[in-house]
Amino acid sequence: MYAESRDAYAFLAHRASPAWLKPFDDCADCTLHFVAATGGQARGDRFPHGARPRRVLAPLLSIFAMCGLLPGAEPVGPREGIVR
């Protein structure tokens, strides 16, 4: 979970506007994840494999872990390993 947040931060820091990182910079308990609401690429105006949520569990679990709702979750801060 933290490695993914670190990698997402590095990607956005190098390729996106600083505004994309503002929520992360403003909030102490924050992780970054990439989520696809459709689960795939569109071809024209259609999704050939259908539309389904993808990669939504990791962000949800990270929120639960930071709130102490997951027993056995590591109490490591979400900013560990992120170099600004």
C-alpha atoms as a PDB file:
ATOM      1  CA  MET A   1       0.000   0.000   0.000  1.00  0.00           C
ATOM      2  CA  TYR A   2       2.751   2.466   0.918  1.00  0.00           C
ATOM      3  CA  ALA A   3       4.944   1.445  -2.008  1.00  0.00           C
ATOM      4  CA  GLU A   4       2.053   2.131  -4.370  1.00  0.00           C
ATOM      5  CA  SER A   5       1.490   5.534  -2.776  1.00  0.00           C
ATOM      6  CA  ARG A   6       5.211   6.311  -3.102  1.00  0.00           C
ATOM      7  CA  ASP A   7       5.211   5.306  -6.767  1.00  0.00           C
ATOM      8  CA  ALA A   8       2.057   7.302  -7.517  1.00  0.00           C
ATOM      9  CA  TYR A   9       3.588  10.357  -5.833  1.00  0.00           C
ATOM     10  CA  ALA A  10       6.799  10.018  -7.864  1.00  0.00           C
ATOM     11  CA  PHE A  11       4.830   9.666 -11.106  1.00  0.00           C
ATOM     12  CA  LEU A  12       2.660  12.712 -10.394  1.00  0.00           C
ATOM     13  CA  ALA A  13       5.586  14.797  -9.136  1.00  0.00           C
ATOM     14  CA  HIS A  14       7.437  14.269 -12.406  1.00  0.00           C
ATOM     15  CA  ARG A  15       4.559  14.302 -14.910  1.00  0.00           C
ATOM     16  CA  ALA A  16       1.662  16.327 -13.519  1.00  0.00           C
ATOM     17  CA  SER A  17       0.829  19.782 -12.254  1.00  0.00           C
ATOM     18  CA  PRO A  18       1.632  20.434  -8.562  1.00  0.00           C
ATOM     19  CA  ALA A  19      -2.130  20.823  -8.036  1.00  0.00           C
ATOM     20  CA  TRP A  20      -2.488  17.022  -8.352  1.00  0.00           C
ATOM     21  CA  LEU A  21      -0.378  16.618  -5.190  1.00  0.00           C
ATOM     22  CA  LYS A  22      -2.074  19.356  -3.139  1.00  0.00           C
ATOM     23  CA  PRO A  23      -4.456  16.972  -1.317  1.00  0.00           C
ATOM     24  CA  PHE A  24      -1.488  14.792  -0.357  1.00  0.00           C
ATOM     25  CA  ASP A  25       0.532  17.793   0.814  1.00  0.00           C
ATOM     26  CA  ASP A  26      -2.377  19.249   2.798  1.00  0.00           C
ATOM     27  CA  CYS A  27      -3.427  16.056   4.620  1.00  0.00           C
ATOM     28  CA  ALA A  28      -1.230  14.153   7.073  1.00  0.00           C
ATOM     29  CA  ASP A  29      -3.122  10.854   6.679  1.00  0.00           C
ATOM     30  CA  CYS A  30      -3.214  10.383   2.941  1.00  0.00           C
ATOM     31  CA  THR A  31      -2.178   7.771   0.408  1.00  0.00           C
ATOM     32  CA  LEU A  32      -2.194   7.952  -3.370  1.00  0.00           C
ATOM     33  CA  HIS A  33      -3.623   5.294  -5.665  1.00  0.00           C
ATOM     34  CA  PHE A  34      -4.698   5.023  -9.276  1.00  0.00           C
ATOM     35  CA  VAL A  35      -8.218   3.680  -9.721  1.00  0.00           C
ATOM     36  CA  ALA A  36     -10.098   2.934 -12.923  1.00  0.00           C
ATOM     37  CA  ALA A  37     -13.842   3.414 -12.723  1.00  0.00           C
ATOM     38  CA  THR A  38     -14.321   1.470 -15.944  1.00  0.00           C
ATOM     39  CA  GLY A  39     -11.587  -1.148 -15.664  1.00  0.00           C
ATOM     40  CA  GLY A  40     -10.377  -0.735 -19.233  1.00  0.00           C
ATOM     41  CA  GLN A  41      -9.713   1.409 -22.263  1.00  0.00           C
ATOM     42  CA  ALA A  42     -12.497   2.742 -24.426  1.00  0.00           C
ATOM     43  CA  ARG A  43     -12.619   2.018 -28.124  1.00  0.00           C
ATOM     44  CA  GLY A  44     -14.551   4.857 -29.626  1.00  0.00           C
ATOM     45  CA  ASP A  45     -17.543   5.388 -27.372  1.00  0.00           C
ATOM     46  CA  ARG A  46     -17.648   1.783 -26.074  1.00  0.00           C
ATOM     47  CA  PHE A  47     -15.820  -0.361 -23.557  1.00  0.00           C
ATOM     48  CA  PRO A  48     -15.320  -3.715 -25.315  1.00  0.00           C
ATOM     49  CA  HIS A  49     -14.831  -5.634 -22.063  1.00  0.00           C
ATOM     50  CA  GLY A  50     -17.687  -3.904 -20.268  1.00  0.00           C
ATOM     51  CA  ALA A  51     -17.424  -1.316 -17.505  1.00  0.00           C
ATOM     52  CA  ARG A  52     -16.580  -2.456 -14.005  1.00  0.00           C
ATOM     53  CA  PRO A  53     -14.704  -0.824 -11.112  1.00  0.00           C
ATOM     54  CA  ARG A  54     -11.039  -1.797 -10.886  1.00  0.00           C
ATOM     55  CA  ARG A  55      -8.427  -1.227  -8.199  1.00  0.00           C
ATOM     56  CA  VAL A  56     -10.854   0.276  -5.716  1.00  0.00           C
ATOM     57  CA  LEU A  57     -10.083  -2.106  -2.842  1.00  0.00           C
ATOM     58  CA  ALA A  58      -6.522  -0.903  -2.097  1.00  0.00           C
ATOM     59  CA  PRO A  59      -7.539   2.738  -1.507  1.00  0.00           C
ATOM     60  CA  LEU A  60     -10.441   1.662   0.686  1.00  0.00           C
ATOM     61  CA  LEU A  61      -8.235  -0.656   2.743  1.00  0.00           C
ATOM     62  CA  SER A  62      -5.618   2.084   3.151  1.00  0.00           C
ATOM     63  CA  ILE A  63      -8.278   4.336   4.672  1.00  0.00           C
ATOM     64  CA  PHE A  64      -9.402   1.554   7.018  1.00  0.00           C
ATOM     65  CA  ALA A  65      -5.791   0.840   8.053  1.00  0.00           C
ATOM     66  CA  MET A  66      -5.030   4.497   8.804  1.00  0.00           C
ATOM     67  CA  CYS A  67      -8.179   4.688  10.946  1.00  0.00           C
ATOM     68  CA  GLY A  68      -7.186   1.585  12.930  1.00  0.00           C
ATOM     69  CA  LEU A  69     -10.055  -0.525  11.604  1.00  0.00           C
ATOM     70  CA  LEU A  70      -7.839  -3.362  10.328  1.00  0.00           C
ATOM     71  CA  PRO A  71      -6.283  -5.517  13.032  1.00  0.00           C
ATOM     72  CA  GLY A  72      -2.619  -6.244  12.380  1.00  0.00           C
ATOM     73  CA  ALA A  73      -2.123  -3.308   9.993  1.00  0.00           C
ATOM     74  CA  GLU A  74       1.311  -1.759  10.230  1.00  0.00           C
ATOM     75  CA  PRO A  75       1.288   1.588  12.090  1.00  0.00           C
ATOM     76  CA  VAL A  76       3.693   3.090   9.531  1.00  0.00           C
ATOM     77  CA  GLY A  77       2.899   6.587   8.278  1.00  0.00           C
ATOM     78  CA  PRO A  78       1.706   6.867   4.671  1.00  0.00           C
ATOM     79  CA  ARG A  79       4.495   9.321   3.808  1.00  0.00           C
ATOM     80  CA  GLU A  80       7.279   6.834   4.495  1.00  0.00           C
ATOM     81  CA  GLY A  81       9.614   6.502   1.554  1.00  0.00           C
ATOM     82  CA  ILE A  82       8.337   9.591  -0.255  1.00  0.00           C
ATOM     83  CA  VAL A  83      11.015  12.125  -1.101  1.00  0.00           C
ATOM     84  CA  ARG A  84       9.827  15.565  -2.128  1.00  0.00           C
END
